[in-house]
Amino acid sequence: MKSPPPPARSRQTVFDGEAPELRKETLHQQAYEALKRAIMGGRMRPGHAVSLRSLAAELGVSPMPVRDALNRLVTQRALELLSNRTVRVPLMTREKFQELTAVRCHLEGQLGLRATSAIPKQQISALAKKNGQMNAAAESGSVEDFLHLNFEFHFMLYEHSKSEVTLPIVESLWLQAGPFLNEHVRNRGFGISATHHEEIIAGLREGNARKVQEEVEADIRDAANSILEYALSSD
């Protein structure tokens, strides 16, 4: 005699009949990516107030995708919402900057370490070209080009780490630290990054992962020390 079948289980619901509409990459995601890169690439400064309508006009979209992107960036602490509903790039404190620097040194050094064994030779050449463009931007005094190229240099390297966990965290840290680092370059000038970048490229060509790790960390640490010395008050 066969056993009776188990009682049917009721299907578990998650959204109780109110499931969100799923969509492929849309203007919402594109607006978010554009604003994220603008923050990390030096186009927004600490204390910079963000205008929803101005951004929408610049991007050629309606305010809704931009509002959604701003909300996401506020959640990530890349932007802050003030009591008067103004959205701005946060100001920086010494303590927060020191913590960001310590975490960045560790995580970005690990990404450089992992990337060394995986990066193709042609990509090392691409990094060298990018560094050359950075040097040219510094010589011409083009701050925005220099900052954007610096962002591209680092993430061209890090993407070869194939990290699904650390890389998104590093992006979040750049969103928080980037505007302040970029403001310092505008105020104090160029020089530190290019030297360390050359050593990073040399380490990649040698297959010396430890050297790449150390130079990535030194790049971050030297820039931070310069900022702490000249740009932050002691209070």
C-alpha atoms as a PDB file:
ATOM      1  CA  MET A   1       0.000   0.000   0.000  1.00  0.00           C
ATOM      2  CA  LYS A   2       1.459   3.307  -1.086  1.00  0.00           C
ATOM      3  CA  SER A   3       1.864   6.136   1.344  1.00  0.00           C
ATOM      4  CA  PRO A   4      -0.372   9.128   0.678  1.00  0.00           C
ATOM      5  CA  PRO A   5       1.338  12.077  -1.014  1.00  0.00           C
ATOM      6  CA  PRO A   6       2.484  14.881   1.290  1.00  0.00           C
ATOM      7  CA  PRO A   7       0.068  17.769   1.611  1.00  0.00           C
ATOM      8  CA  ALA A   8       0.596  20.498  -0.930  1.00  0.00           C
ATOM      9  CA  ARG A   9       2.460  23.494   0.456  1.00  0.00           C
ATOM     10  CA  SER A  10       1.069  26.901  -0.140  1.00  0.00           C
ATOM     11  CA  ARG A  11       3.338  28.959  -2.359  1.00  0.00           C
ATOM     12  CA  GLN A  12       5.298  31.467  -0.306  1.00  0.00           C
ATOM     13  CA  THR A  13       4.954  35.032  -1.491  1.00  0.00           C
ATOM     14  CA  VAL A  14       7.479  37.799  -0.978  1.00  0.00           C
ATOM     15  CA  PHE A  15       5.719  40.914  -2.201  1.00  0.00           C
ATOM     16  CA  ASP A  16       2.115  40.012  -1.329  1.00  0.00           C
ATOM     17  CA  GLY A  17       0.839  40.748  -4.803  1.00  0.00           C
ATOM     18  CA  GLU A  18       2.808  43.995  -5.103  1.00  0.00           C
ATOM     19  CA  ALA A  19       5.924  42.824  -6.897  1.00  0.00           C
ATOM     20  CA  PRO A  20       7.980  45.664  -8.404  1.00  0.00           C
ATOM     21  CA  GLU A  21       8.212  46.022 -12.134  1.00  0.00           C
ATOM     22  CA  LEU A  22      11.441  44.442 -13.350  1.00  0.00           C
ATOM     23  CA  ARG A  23      13.269  46.160 -16.164  1.00  0.00           C
ATOM     24  CA  LYS A  24      16.540  46.034 -18.028  1.00  0.00           C
ATOM     25  CA  GLU A  25      19.067  48.856 -17.696  1.00  0.00           C
ATOM     26  CA  THR A  26      17.140  52.070 -18.092  1.00  0.00           C
ATOM     27  CA  LEU A  27      17.636  55.778 -17.819  1.00  0.00           C
ATOM     28  CA  HIS A  28      17.541  55.319 -14.034  1.00  0.00           C
ATOM     29  CA  GLN A  29      20.646  53.120 -14.064  1.00  0.00           C
ATOM     30  CA  GLN A  30      22.373  55.252 -16.682  1.00  0.00           C
ATOM     31  CA  ALA A  31      21.769  58.404 -14.640  1.00  0.00           C
ATOM     32  CA  TYR A  32      23.130  56.680 -11.542  1.00  0.00           C
ATOM     33  CA  GLU A  33      26.281  55.512 -13.352  1.00  0.00           C
ATOM     34  CA  ALA A  34      26.861  58.974 -14.823  1.00  0.00           C
ATOM     35  CA  LEU A  35      26.561  60.693 -11.439  1.00  0.00           C
ATOM     36  CA  LYS A  36      28.654  58.038  -9.699  1.00  0.00           C
ATOM     37  CA  ARG A  37      31.478  58.541 -12.180  1.00  0.00           C
ATOM     38  CA  ALA A  38      31.180  62.314 -11.879  1.00  0.00           C
ATOM     39  CA  ILE A  39      31.698  62.052  -8.113  1.00  0.00           C
ATOM     40  CA  MET A  40      34.583  59.575  -8.298  1.00  0.00           C
ATOM     41  CA  GLY A  41      36.157  61.371 -11.250  1.00  0.00           C
ATOM     42  CA  GLY A  42      36.384  64.786  -9.610  1.00  0.00           C
ATOM     43  CA  ARG A  43      33.508  66.711 -11.127  1.00  0.00           C
ATOM     44  CA  MET A  44      31.816  67.440  -7.784  1.00  0.00           C
ATOM     45  CA  ARG A  45      33.513  69.090  -4.824  1.00  0.00           C
ATOM     46  CA  PRO A  46      32.881  68.794  -1.064  1.00  0.00           C
ATOM     47  CA  GLY A  47      29.984  71.046  -0.096  1.00  0.00           C
ATOM     48  CA  HIS A  48      28.753  71.190  -3.698  1.00  0.00           C
ATOM     49  CA  ALA A  49      24.949  71.511  -3.684  1.00  0.00           C
ATOM     50  CA  VAL A  50      23.244  69.351  -6.289  1.00  0.00           C
ATOM     51  CA  SER A  51      20.419  70.728  -8.412  1.00  0.00           C
ATOM     52  CA  LEU A  52      17.989  68.069  -9.573  1.00  0.00           C
ATOM     53  CA  ARG A  53      16.727  70.051 -12.544  1.00  0.00           C
ATOM     54  CA  SER A  54      20.167  71.211 -13.632  1.00  0.00           C
ATOM     55  CA  LEU A  55      21.492  67.657 -13.593  1.00  0.00           C
ATOM     56  CA  ALA A  56      18.463  66.409 -15.498  1.00  0.00           C
ATOM     57  CA  ALA A  57      19.023  69.093 -18.129  1.00  0.00           C
ATOM     58  CA  GLU A  58      22.722  68.217 -18.435  1.00  0.00           C
ATOM     59  CA  LEU A  59      21.922  64.525 -18.868  1.00  0.00           C
ATOM     60  CA  GLY A  60      18.987  65.185 -21.183  1.00  0.00           C
ATOM     61  CA  VAL A  61      16.485  63.222 -19.104  1.00  0.00           C
ATOM     62  CA  SER A  62      13.437  63.930 -16.977  1.00  0.00           C
ATOM     63  CA  PRO A  63      13.966  64.658 -13.251  1.00  0.00           C
ATOM     64  CA  MET A  64      12.697  61.224 -12.171  1.00  0.00           C
ATOM     65  CA  PRO A  65      15.798  59.132 -13.121  1.00  0.00           C
ATOM     66  CA  VAL A  66      18.049  61.766 -11.560  1.00  0.00           C
ATOM     67  CA  ARG A  67      15.996  61.809  -8.349  1.00  0.00           C
ATOM     68  CA  ASP A  68      16.294  58.031  -8.149  1.00  0.00           C
ATOM     69  CA  ALA A  69      20.066  58.216  -8.698  1.00  0.00           C
ATOM     70  CA  LEU A  70      20.465  60.899  -6.032  1.00  0.00           C
ATOM     71  CA  ASN A  71      18.533  58.813  -3.529  1.00  0.00           C
ATOM     72  CA  ARG A  72      20.796  55.826  -4.185  1.00  0.00           C
ATOM     73  CA  LEU A  73      23.900  57.971  -3.745  1.00  0.00           C
ATOM     74  CA  VAL A  74      22.555  59.401  -0.482  1.00  0.00           C
ATOM     75  CA  THR A  75      22.076  55.819   0.747  1.00  0.00           C
ATOM     76  CA  GLN A  76      25.710  55.084  -0.178  1.00  0.00           C
ATOM     77  CA  ARG A  77      26.847  58.225   1.701  1.00  0.00           C
ATOM     78  CA  ALA A  78      28.313  59.681  -1.458  1.00  0.00           C
ATOM     79  CA  LEU A  79      25.802  62.531  -1.074  1.00  0.00           C
ATOM     80  CA  GLU A  80      23.923  63.818   1.951  1.00  0.00           C
ATOM     81  CA  LEU A  81      20.405  65.147   2.398  1.00  0.00           C
ATOM     82  CA  LEU A  82      20.245  68.241   4.604  1.00  0.00           C
ATOM     83  CA  SER A  83      17.330  69.238   6.807  1.00  0.00           C
ATOM     84  CA  ASN A  84      16.188  71.798   4.215  1.00  0.00           C
ATOM     85  CA  ARG A  85      16.017  68.987   1.596  1.00  0.00           C
ATOM     86  CA  THR A  86      19.150  70.214  -0.164  1.00  0.00           C
ATOM     87  CA  VAL A  87      21.383  67.436  -1.507  1.00  0.00           C
ATOM     88  CA  ARG A  88      25.103  68.085  -1.419  1.00  0.00           C
ATOM     89  CA  VAL A  89      28.502  66.403  -1.509  1.00  0.00           C
ATOM     90  CA  PRO A  90      29.456  65.822   2.156  1.00  0.00           C
ATOM     91  CA  LEU A  91      32.216  67.731   3.876  1.00  0.00           C
ATOM     92  CA  MET A  92      35.099  65.746   5.348  1.00  0.00           C
ATOM     93  CA  THR A  93      36.478  65.378   8.868  1.00  0.00           C
ATOM     94  CA  ARG A  94      39.972  64.290   9.831  1.00  0.00           C
ATOM     95  CA  GLU A  95      38.721  61.178  11.611  1.00  0.00           C
ATOM     96  CA  LYS A  96      36.558  60.015   8.725  1.00  0.00           C
ATOM     97  CA  PHE A  97      39.316  60.635   6.205  1.00  0.00           C
ATOM     98  CA  GLN A  98      41.857  58.693   8.246  1.00  0.00           C
ATOM     99  CA  GLU A  99      39.469  55.749   8.495  1.00  0.00           C
ATOM    100  CA  LEU A 100      38.708  55.839   4.781  1.00  0.00           C
ATOM    101  CA  THR A 101      42.428  55.920   4.015  1.00  0.00           C
ATOM    102  CA  ALA A 102      43.204  52.925   6.219  1.00  0.00           C
ATOM    103  CA  VAL A 103      40.440  50.824   4.666  1.00  0.00           C
ATOM    104  CA  ARG A 104      41.318  51.911   1.135  1.00  0.00           C
ATOM    105  CA  CYS A 105      45.002  51.020   1.605  1.00  0.00           C
ATOM    106  CA  HIS A 106      44.129  47.508   2.689  1.00  0.00           C
ATOM    107  CA  LEU A 107      41.402  46.741   0.157  1.00  0.00           C
ATOM    108  CA  GLU A 108      42.929  48.436  -2.884  1.00  0.00           C
ATOM    109  CA  GLY A 109      46.284  46.866  -2.124  1.00  0.00           C
ATOM    110  CA  GLN A 110      44.579  43.482  -2.161  1.00  0.00           C
ATOM    111  CA  LEU A 111      42.948  44.260  -5.506  1.00  0.00           C
ATOM    112  CA  GLY A 112      46.331  45.199  -6.967  1.00  0.00           C
ATOM    113  CA  LEU A 113      47.821  41.991  -5.591  1.00  0.00           C
ATOM    114  CA  ARG A 114      45.101  39.879  -7.176  1.00  0.00           C
ATOM    115  CA  ALA A 115      45.169  41.724 -10.481  1.00  0.00           C
ATOM    116  CA  THR A 116      48.887  41.192 -11.077  1.00  0.00           C
ATOM    117  CA  SER A 117      48.626  37.554 -12.106  1.00  0.00           C
ATOM    118  CA  ALA A 118      45.525  38.088 -14.251  1.00  0.00           C
ATOM    119  CA  ILE A 119      46.083  41.296 -16.187  1.00  0.00           C
ATOM    120  CA  PRO A 120      46.991  40.782 -19.890  1.00  0.00           C
ATOM    121  CA  LYS A 121      50.137  42.411 -21.258  1.00  0.00           C
ATOM    122  CA  GLN A 122      48.157  44.659 -23.564  1.00  0.00           C
ATOM    123  CA  GLN A 123      46.261  46.015 -20.578  1.00  0.00           C
ATOM    124  CA  ILE A 124      49.546  46.846 -18.851  1.00  0.00           C
ATOM    125  CA  SER A 125      50.423  48.852 -21.957  1.00  0.00           C
ATOM    126  CA  ALA A 126      47.022  50.527 -21.746  1.00  0.00           C
ATOM    127  CA  LEU A 127      47.739  51.489 -18.131  1.00  0.00           C
ATOM    128  CA  ALA A 128      51.112  52.918 -19.156  1.00  0.00           C
ATOM    129  CA  LYS A 129      49.375  54.959 -21.850  1.00  0.00           C
ATOM    130  CA  LYS A 130      46.811  56.160 -19.308  1.00  0.00           C
ATOM    131  CA  ASN A 131      49.613  57.225 -16.977  1.00  0.00           C
ATOM    132  CA  GLY A 132      51.271  59.096 -19.827  1.00  0.00           C
ATOM    133  CA  GLN A 133      48.018  60.936 -20.432  1.00  0.00           C
ATOM    134  CA  MET A 134      47.899  61.799 -16.731  1.00  0.00           C
ATOM    135  CA  ASN A 135      51.391  63.285 -16.933  1.00  0.00           C
ATOM    136  CA  ALA A 136      50.379  65.322 -19.974  1.00  0.00           C
ATOM    137  CA  ALA A 137      47.270  66.579 -18.173  1.00  0.00           C
ATOM    138  CA  ALA A 138      49.416  67.597 -15.185  1.00  0.00           C
ATOM    139  CA  GLU A 139      51.867  69.460 -17.409  1.00  0.00           C
ATOM    140  CA  SER A 140      49.054  71.327 -19.129  1.00  0.00           C
ATOM    141  CA  GLY A 141      47.321  72.111 -15.841  1.00  0.00           C
ATOM    142  CA  SER A 142      44.141  70.275 -16.822  1.00  0.00           C
ATOM    143  CA  VAL A 143      42.846  69.310 -13.371  1.00  0.00           C
ATOM    144  CA  GLU A 144      39.618  67.610 -14.449  1.00  0.00           C
ATOM    145  CA  ASP A 145      41.388  65.496 -17.074  1.00  0.00           C
ATOM    146  CA  PHE A 146      44.044  64.496 -14.552  1.00  0.00           C
ATOM    147  CA  LEU A 147      41.460  63.470 -11.962  1.00  0.00           C
ATOM    148  CA  HIS A 148      39.359  61.511 -14.415  1.00  0.00           C
ATOM    149  CA  LEU A 149      42.428  59.704 -15.790  1.00  0.00           C
ATOM    150  CA  ASN A 150      43.545  58.863 -12.248  1.00  0.00           C
ATOM    151  CA  PHE A 151      40.155  57.281 -11.566  1.00  0.00           C
ATOM    152  CA  GLU A 152      40.345  55.317 -14.823  1.00  0.00           C
ATOM    153  CA  PHE A 153      43.900  54.157 -14.092  1.00  0.00           C
ATOM    154  CA  HIS A 154      42.983  52.657 -10.724  1.00  0.00           C
ATOM    155  CA  PHE A 155      39.824  50.937 -11.838  1.00  0.00           C
ATOM    156  CA  MET A 156      41.410  49.608 -15.046  1.00  0.00           C
ATOM    157  CA  LEU A 157      43.824  47.825 -12.719  1.00  0.00           C
ATOM    158  CA  TYR A 158      41.281  46.738 -10.124  1.00  0.00           C
ATOM    159  CA  GLU A 159      38.817  45.241 -12.592  1.00  0.00           C
ATOM    160  CA  HIS A 160      41.391  42.541 -13.385  1.00  0.00           C
ATOM    161  CA  SER A 161      41.216  41.324  -9.781  1.00  0.00           C
ATOM    162  CA  LYS A 162      37.893  39.693 -10.756  1.00  0.00           C
ATOM    163  CA  SER A 163      36.612  40.528  -7.286  1.00  0.00           C
ATOM    164  CA  GLU A 164      32.869  40.325  -6.799  1.00  0.00           C
ATOM    165  CA  VAL A 165      33.037  41.405  -3.149  1.00  0.00           C
ATOM    166  CA  THR A 166      35.891  43.862  -2.647  1.00  0.00           C
ATOM    167  CA  LEU A 167      35.551  45.918  -5.822  1.00  0.00           C
ATOM    168  CA  PRO A 168      32.031  47.226  -5.048  1.00  0.00           C
ATOM    169  CA  ILE A 169      33.227  48.188  -1.556  1.00  0.00           C
ATOM    170  CA  VAL A 170      36.163  50.092  -3.036  1.00  0.00           C
ATOM    171  CA  GLU A 171      33.799  51.918  -5.388  1.00  0.00           C
ATOM    172  CA  SER A 172      31.779  52.997  -2.345  1.00  0.00           C
ATOM    173  CA  LEU A 173      34.932  54.236  -0.599  1.00  0.00           C
ATOM    174  CA  TRP A 174      35.942  56.236  -3.675  1.00  0.00           C
ATOM    175  CA  LEU A 175      32.506  57.812  -3.722  1.00  0.00           C
ATOM    176  CA  GLN A 176      33.111  59.035  -0.179  1.00  0.00           C
ATOM    177  CA  ALA A 177      36.774  60.005  -0.431  1.00  0.00           C
ATOM    178  CA  GLY A 178      37.001  61.042  -4.076  1.00  0.00           C
ATOM    179  CA  PRO A 179      35.609  64.582  -3.916  1.00  0.00           C
ATOM    180  CA  PHE A 180      37.929  65.532  -1.058  1.00  0.00           C
ATOM    181  CA  LEU A 181      40.994  64.007  -2.715  1.00  0.00           C
ATOM    182  CA  ASN A 182      40.114  65.809  -5.907  1.00  0.00           C
ATOM    183  CA  GLU A 183      39.698  69.128  -4.116  1.00  0.00           C
ATOM    184  CA  HIS A 184      43.200  68.718  -2.740  1.00  0.00           C
ATOM    185  CA  VAL A 185      44.666  68.218  -6.221  1.00  0.00           C
ATOM    186  CA  ARG A 186      42.977  71.421  -7.326  1.00  0.00           C
ATOM    187  CA  ASN A 187      44.446  73.306  -4.368  1.00  0.00           C
ATOM    188  CA  ARG A 188      47.901  71.730  -4.078  1.00  0.00           C
ATOM    189  CA  GLY A 189      48.776  70.522  -7.570  1.00  0.00           C
ATOM    190  CA  PHE A 190      49.993  67.243  -9.068  1.00  0.00           C
ATOM    191  CA  GLY A 191      52.910  64.901  -8.642  1.00  0.00           C
ATOM    192  CA  ILE A 192      52.387  62.079  -6.172  1.00  0.00           C
ATOM    193  CA  SER A 193      50.230  59.710  -8.212  1.00  0.00           C
ATOM    194  CA  ALA A 194      52.366  59.639 -11.342  1.00  0.00           C
ATOM    195  CA  THR A 195      55.468  58.385  -9.517  1.00  0.00           C
ATOM    196  CA  HIS A 196      53.671  55.525  -7.803  1.00  0.00           C
ATOM    197  CA  HIS A 197      51.771  54.677 -10.965  1.00  0.00           C
ATOM    198  CA  GLU A 198      55.064  54.144 -12.783  1.00  0.00           C
ATOM    199  CA  GLU A 199      56.152  51.713 -10.066  1.00  0.00           C
ATOM    200  CA  ILE A 200      52.807  49.911 -10.265  1.00  0.00           C
ATOM    201  CA  ILE A 201      53.307  49.445 -14.012  1.00  0.00           C
ATOM    202  CA  ALA A 202      56.856  48.198 -13.427  1.00  0.00           C
ATOM    203  CA  GLY A 203      55.588  45.702 -10.866  1.00  0.00           C
ATOM    204  CA  LEU A 204      52.941  44.440 -13.274  1.00  0.00           C
ATOM    205  CA  ARG A 205      55.525  43.936 -16.016  1.00  0.00           C
ATOM    206  CA  GLU A 206      57.766  42.057 -13.594  1.00  0.00           C
ATOM    207  CA  GLY A 207      54.863  39.974 -12.315  1.00  0.00           C
ATOM    208  CA  ASN A 208      55.760  41.226  -8.839  1.00  0.00           C
ATOM    209  CA  ALA A 209      52.417  41.200  -7.035  1.00  0.00           C
ATOM    210  CA  ARG A 210      53.864  42.340  -3.724  1.00  0.00           C
ATOM    211  CA  LYS A 211      55.426  45.394  -5.358  1.00  0.00           C
ATOM    212  CA  VAL A 212      52.131  46.293  -7.001  1.00  0.00           C
ATOM    213  CA  GLN A 213      50.337  45.937  -3.672  1.00  0.00           C
ATOM    214  CA  GLU A 214      52.886  48.106  -1.862  1.00  0.00           C
ATOM    215  CA  GLU A 215      52.842  50.822  -4.531  1.00  0.00           C
ATOM    216  CA  VAL A 216      49.042  50.970  -4.606  1.00  0.00           C
ATOM    217  CA  GLU A 217      49.055  51.388  -0.832  1.00  0.00           C
ATOM    218  CA  ALA A 218      51.837  53.994  -0.999  1.00  0.00           C
ATOM    219  CA  ASP A 219      49.942  55.931  -3.668  1.00  0.00           C
ATOM    220  CA  ILE A 220      46.899  56.186  -1.401  1.00  0.00           C
ATOM    221  CA  ARG A 221      48.865  56.808   1.790  1.00  0.00           C
ATOM    222  CA  ASP A 222      51.145  59.543   0.391  1.00  0.00           C
ATOM    223  CA  ALA A 223      48.227  61.455  -1.070  1.00  0.00           C
ATOM    224  CA  ALA A 224      46.368  61.159   2.242  1.00  0.00           C
ATOM    225  CA  ASN A 225      49.372  62.344   4.265  1.00  0.00           C
ATOM    226  CA  SER A 226      49.736  65.361   2.009  1.00  0.00           C
ATOM    227  CA  ILE A 227      46.089  66.202   2.516  1.00  0.00           C
ATOM    228  CA  LEU A 228      46.274  65.761   6.284  1.00  0.00           C
ATOM    229  CA  GLU A 229      49.294  68.053   6.412  1.00  0.00           C
ATOM    230  CA  TYR A 230      47.937  70.888   4.294  1.00  0.00           C
ATOM    231  CA  ALA A 231      44.204  70.635   3.798  1.00  0.00           C
ATOM    232  CA  LEU A 232      42.523  69.588   7.041  1.00  0.00           C
ATOM    233  CA  SER A 233      42.287  71.609  10.214  1.00  0.00           C
ATOM    234  CA  SER A 234      43.228  69.890  13.462  1.00  0.00           C
ATOM    235  CA  ASP A 235      39.834  70.347  15.098  1.00  0.00           C
END
